[in-house]
């Protein structure tokens, strides 16, 4: 069987971009859903521009937040440029929602009848390069003796499937909650701030890839942070949250973390 033509053409953006490539701190930031690009060959997945402007396609406001936070922390930041509707780089390959044909109430017809070869092509061209770059950065730091702390940044819609979400920010973790517990304590000291503990999402082996593979399996400190999207609509809001998160992240490492205790039994 002949191989399909390359998915990405000369006019398509790079798979990811790096901000703070010379960051000297221990912090390594990721933004899996920072972009909404779609390869030209896929003709916008037959979706309206209006839909591609919504949270269905990407994490609104997270790119601006991530860049401001990276600048404050002198951190390395990697941002994925393509829409999660093409392939979700925070889902294990082969997971049912790795390439969705229905997102919330929005059908994605171009994804409904993909061949195995087409799915594998999206993985090889858009998923694998991003995670190889994260792996290479962490490997390089380990060789140089530079500590690493992984922070996966996301944003969430204030209303999902008709349900309002009251949290301003969510602190997510799986087996290893050492860093997350410190961040929860720090954020909850601010009066009026509603902080979710594994809300509005929880980390699992089935629903998360970045944190599990690059954080848990490497046994480095890690956490996932979700900020509500209506708080990130302006540059001022993004800066406010960057300062808030930078403050609690730095404070969280003021004392050495306790020894890691988690194992690798299945995580639901």
Protein backbone atom coordinates (compact mmCIF):
# COMPACT_ATOMS: atom_id res chain seq x y z
CA UNK A 1 0.00 0.00 0.00
CA UNK A 2 1.48 3.41 -0.94
CA UNK A 3 2.19 5.79 1.89
CA UNK A 4 -0.14 8.81 2.14
CA UNK A 5 1.21 12.17 1.06
CA UNK A 6 2.76 14.20 3.90
CA UNK A 7 0.14 15.82 6.08
CA UNK A 8 2.07 19.06 6.58
CA UNK A 9 2.93 21.30 3.67
CA UNK A 10 5.33 24.18 3.22
CA UNK A 11 2.64 26.69 4.20
CA UNK A 12 1.74 24.96 7.45
CA UNK A 13 3.21 26.19 10.74
CA UNK A 14 5.76 24.20 12.71
CA UNK A 15 4.37 21.50 15.00
CA UNK A 16 5.47 23.39 18.12
CA UNK A 17 7.30 26.51 19.19
CA UNK A 18 9.75 27.12 21.99
CA UNK A 19 9.74 30.11 24.32
CA UNK A 20 12.66 30.62 26.66
CA UNK A 21 14.95 28.05 25.05
CA UNK A 22 17.80 29.24 27.27
CA UNK A 23 15.73 29.15 30.47
CA UNK A 24 18.05 28.49 33.40
CA UNK A 25 15.57 27.55 36.11
CA UNK A 26 14.28 24.12 37.04
CA UNK A 27 10.86 24.87 35.54
CA UNK A 28 9.77 23.22 32.30
CA UNK A 29 6.35 24.34 31.08
CA UNK A 30 4.13 22.70 28.48
CA UNK A 31 1.02 23.99 26.72
CA UNK A 32 -0.48 21.03 24.87
CA UNK A 33 -3.53 22.90 23.57
CA UNK A 34 -2.07 26.35 22.90
CA UNK A 35 -2.76 26.34 19.15
CA UNK A 36 -5.65 25.90 16.75
CA UNK A 37 -3.84 25.38 13.44
CA UNK A 38 -5.13 22.73 11.07
CA UNK A 39 -3.00 21.33 8.23
CA UNK A 40 -4.02 22.83 4.92
CA UNK A 41 -4.61 19.39 3.44
CA UNK A 42 -7.41 18.82 5.95
CA UNK A 43 -9.42 21.84 4.74
CA UNK A 44 -10.28 23.07 8.22
CA UNK A 45 -11.76 19.67 9.11
CA UNK A 46 -14.92 20.98 7.39
CA UNK A 47 -15.60 23.12 10.45
CA UNK A 48 -16.72 26.74 10.63
CA UNK A 49 -14.21 29.43 11.63
CA UNK A 50 -16.59 30.32 14.45
CA UNK A 51 -16.28 26.85 15.98
CA UNK A 52 -12.52 26.90 15.61
CA UNK A 53 -12.48 30.07 17.73
CA UNK A 54 -14.03 28.25 20.70
CA UNK A 55 -12.71 26.04 23.49
CA UNK A 56 -13.67 23.02 21.41
CA UNK A 57 -10.57 23.58 19.28
CA UNK A 58 -8.01 24.85 21.79
CA UNK A 59 -7.34 26.22 25.28
CA UNK A 60 -8.22 29.90 25.05
CA UNK A 61 -5.77 32.25 26.74
CA UNK A 62 -3.26 29.59 27.72
CA UNK A 63 -0.54 30.66 25.28
CA UNK A 64 -0.41 34.19 26.67
CA UNK A 65 -0.49 32.90 30.23
CA UNK A 66 2.26 30.39 29.52
CA UNK A 67 4.61 32.89 27.88
CA UNK A 68 4.20 35.37 30.73
CA UNK A 69 4.73 32.66 33.33
CA UNK A 70 7.83 31.36 31.53
CA UNK A 71 9.30 34.87 31.49
CA UNK A 72 8.72 35.29 35.22
CA UNK A 73 10.24 31.90 36.04
CA UNK A 74 13.10 31.97 33.50
CA UNK A 75 11.59 28.70 32.31
CA UNK A 76 11.71 26.59 29.16
CA UNK A 77 8.26 26.50 27.53
CA UNK A 78 7.01 24.37 24.66
CA UNK A 79 3.66 25.16 23.01
CA UNK A 80 1.88 22.90 20.52
CA UNK A 81 0.60 24.83 17.51
CA UNK A 82 -2.15 22.53 16.21
CA UNK A 83 -5.74 22.08 17.27
CA UNK A 84 -6.58 19.15 19.51
CA UNK A 85 -9.29 18.35 16.95
CA UNK A 86 -6.59 17.12 14.57
CA UNK A 87 -4.99 15.00 17.30
CA UNK A 88 -4.89 15.60 21.03
CA UNK A 89 -1.28 15.53 22.19
CA UNK A 90 -2.40 15.07 25.80
CA UNK A 91 -4.14 11.78 25.11
CA UNK A 92 -2.42 8.42 24.84
CA UNK A 93 -2.22 7.37 21.18
CA UNK A 94 -5.06 5.03 20.43
CA UNK A 95 -7.31 6.39 23.18
CA UNK A 96 -10.92 6.90 22.03
CA UNK A 97 -10.61 10.68 22.39
CA UNK A 98 -7.17 10.96 20.79
CA UNK A 99 -8.91 11.95 17.54
CA UNK A 100 -12.53 12.82 18.24
CA UNK A 101 -15.50 12.70 15.89
CA UNK A 102 -17.69 14.48 18.48
CA UNK A 103 -16.43 17.17 20.82
CA UNK A 104 -18.99 18.14 23.45
CA UNK A 105 -22.02 18.75 21.17
CA UNK A 106 -20.01 19.51 18.01
CA UNK A 107 -19.62 16.81 15.34
CA UNK A 108 -16.23 16.61 13.66
CA UNK A 109 -17.26 14.80 10.44
CA UNK A 110 -13.80 14.82 8.88
CA UNK A 111 -12.60 12.59 11.75
CA UNK A 112 -15.37 10.02 11.59
CA UNK A 113 -14.00 7.57 9.02
CA UNK A 114 -10.24 7.80 9.27
CA UNK A 115 -8.16 4.83 8.20
CA UNK A 116 -5.49 3.34 10.41
CA UNK A 117 -2.88 4.89 8.12
CA UNK A 118 -4.44 8.34 8.43
CA UNK A 119 -4.54 8.11 12.20
CA UNK A 120 -0.94 6.95 12.32
CA UNK A 121 0.08 9.82 10.06
CA UNK A 122 -1.41 12.38 12.44
CA UNK A 123 0.46 10.75 15.26
CA UNK A 124 3.80 10.60 13.44
CA UNK A 125 3.66 14.17 12.11
CA UNK A 126 1.93 16.09 14.92
CA UNK A 127 2.09 14.04 18.15
CA UNK A 128 5.49 12.35 18.12
CA UNK A 129 7.69 15.40 17.29
CA UNK A 130 6.21 17.37 20.19
CA UNK A 131 6.82 14.65 22.75
CA UNK A 132 10.24 13.83 21.35
CA UNK A 133 11.22 17.46 21.92
CA UNK A 134 10.02 17.35 25.54
CA UNK A 135 11.94 14.10 26.03
CA UNK A 136 15.07 15.60 24.49
CA UNK A 137 14.89 18.65 26.74
CA UNK A 138 14.49 16.55 29.88
CA UNK A 139 17.26 14.18 28.80
CA UNK A 140 19.59 17.11 28.18
CA UNK A 141 18.86 18.61 31.56
CA UNK A 142 19.55 15.29 33.23
CA UNK A 143 22.92 15.02 31.48
CA UNK A 144 23.80 18.58 32.51
CA UNK A 145 22.70 18.01 36.09
CA UNK A 146 19.97 20.64 35.77
CA UNK A 147 16.91 19.78 37.92
CA UNK A 148 13.51 19.69 36.23
CA UNK A 149 10.01 20.43 37.52
CA UNK A 150 7.24 19.89 34.98
CA UNK A 151 4.19 22.18 34.91
CA UNK A 152 1.52 21.31 32.33
CA UNK A 153 -0.65 24.37 31.62
CA UNK A 154 -4.24 24.27 30.44
CA UNK A 155 -7.37 26.40 30.52
CA UNK A 156 -10.98 25.27 30.89
CA UNK A 157 -14.32 26.61 29.75
CA UNK A 158 -16.55 28.20 32.45
CA UNK A 159 -19.56 26.18 31.24
CA UNK A 160 -19.33 22.63 29.92
CA UNK A 161 -22.34 20.70 28.66
CA UNK A 162 -24.61 23.21 30.40
CA UNK A 163 -22.87 22.88 33.77
CA UNK A 164 -21.24 25.95 35.33
CA UNK A 165 -17.80 25.43 36.82
CA UNK A 166 -17.18 27.53 39.94
CA UNK A 167 -13.42 27.03 40.24
CA UNK A 168 -11.03 29.77 39.23
CA UNK A 169 -8.15 27.33 38.97
CA UNK A 170 -7.66 23.60 39.24
CA UNK A 171 -4.60 21.80 40.58
CA UNK A 172 -4.31 18.33 39.05
CA UNK A 173 -2.15 15.35 39.88
CA UNK A 174 -2.17 11.58 39.62
CA UNK A 175 -0.08 9.25 41.74
CA UNK A 176 2.38 11.89 42.90
CA UNK A 177 0.67 14.76 44.72
CA UNK A 178 3.71 16.23 46.49
CA UNK A 179 3.92 19.45 44.49
CA UNK A 180 0.16 19.68 43.95
CA UNK A 181 -0.56 19.66 47.69
CA UNK A 182 1.77 22.60 48.26
CA UNK A 183 0.18 24.55 45.42
CA UNK A 184 -3.29 23.86 46.78
CA UNK A 185 -2.30 25.24 50.15
CA UNK A 186 -0.68 28.30 48.63
CA UNK A 187 -3.55 29.18 46.30
CA UNK A 188 -6.19 28.61 48.95
CA UNK A 189 -4.62 31.27 51.14
CA UNK A 190 -6.01 33.91 48.77
CA UNK A 191 -9.46 34.95 49.97
CA UNK A 192 -12.25 34.40 47.47
CA UNK A 193 -10.24 32.13 45.18
CA UNK A 194 -11.99 28.82 44.46
CA UNK A 195 -9.35 26.19 43.91
CA UNK A 196 -10.19 22.73 42.61
CA UNK A 197 -8.33 19.64 43.81
CA UNK A 198 -8.38 17.44 40.69
CA UNK A 199 -11.24 19.61 39.44
CA UNK A 200 -12.64 20.21 36.86
CA UNK A 201 -10.64 17.22 35.65
CA UNK A 202 -8.68 14.41 37.23
CA UNK A 203 -5.48 12.87 35.91
CA UNK A 204 -5.58 9.28 34.72
CA UNK A 205 -3.58 6.97 32.48
CA UNK A 206 -6.46 6.97 29.98
CA UNK A 207 -7.02 10.74 29.81
CA UNK A 208 -3.51 12.20 30.21
CA UNK A 209 -0.23 11.69 28.43
CA UNK A 210 2.10 14.64 29.09
CA UNK A 211 2.01 14.57 32.88
CA UNK A 212 2.05 10.78 33.13
CA UNK A 213 4.86 10.13 30.64
CA UNK A 214 7.14 13.10 31.26
CA UNK A 215 6.41 13.62 34.95
CA UNK A 216 5.33 10.45 36.72
CA UNK A 217 7.42 7.98 34.77
CA UNK A 218 10.53 10.12 35.13
CA UNK A 219 9.76 10.55 38.82
CA UNK A 220 10.37 14.30 38.69
CA UNK A 221 8.13 16.83 40.48
CA UNK A 222 5.15 17.75 38.34
CA UNK A 223 1.69 19.27 38.37
CA UNK A 224 -1.05 20.24 35.93
CA UNK A 225 -2.69 23.65 36.31
CA UNK A 226 -6.06 24.56 34.78
CA UNK A 227 -7.16 28.22 34.76
CA UNK A 228 -10.72 29.20 33.83
CA UNK A 229 -10.80 30.76 30.39
CA UNK A 230 -12.90 33.81 31.19
CA UNK A 231 -10.07 34.92 33.51
CA UNK A 232 -7.58 34.89 30.62
CA UNK A 233 -9.45 36.90 27.98
CA UNK A 234 -7.23 39.97 28.36
CA UNK A 235 -3.48 40.51 28.57
CA UNK A 236 -4.02 42.00 32.01
CA UNK A 237 -5.79 38.83 33.16
CA UNK A 238 -3.04 36.64 31.75
CA UNK A 239 -0.40 38.71 33.53
CA UNK A 240 -2.32 38.63 36.81
CA UNK A 241 -2.53 34.86 36.71
CA UNK A 242 1.09 34.49 35.62
CA UNK A 243 2.22 36.48 38.65
CA UNK A 244 -0.09 34.52 40.96
CA UNK A 245 1.10 31.16 39.68
CA UNK A 246 4.77 32.16 39.61
CA UNK A 247 4.54 33.21 43.25
CA UNK A 248 3.02 29.94 44.50
CA UNK A 249 5.26 27.80 42.28
CA UNK A 250 8.42 29.40 43.62
CA UNK A 251 7.13 29.20 47.19
CA UNK A 252 6.32 25.52 46.69
CA UNK A 253 10.01 24.73 46.27
CA UNK A 254 11.19 26.87 49.18
CA UNK A 255 11.61 23.61 51.09
CA UNK A 256 12.74 20.31 49.64
CA UNK A 257 9.91 18.01 48.59
CA UNK A 258 9.48 14.79 50.57
CA UNK A 259 10.63 11.53 48.96
CA UNK A 260 8.42 10.17 46.20
CA UNK A 261 6.18 7.33 47.30
CA UNK A 262 3.92 6.44 44.39
CA UNK A 263 4.07 3.20 42.43
CA UNK A 264 2.80 2.39 38.95
CA UNK A 265 -0.31 0.40 39.67
CA UNK A 266 -3.10 1.27 37.22
CA UNK A 267 -4.58 4.73 37.67
CA UNK A 268 -8.27 4.96 36.67
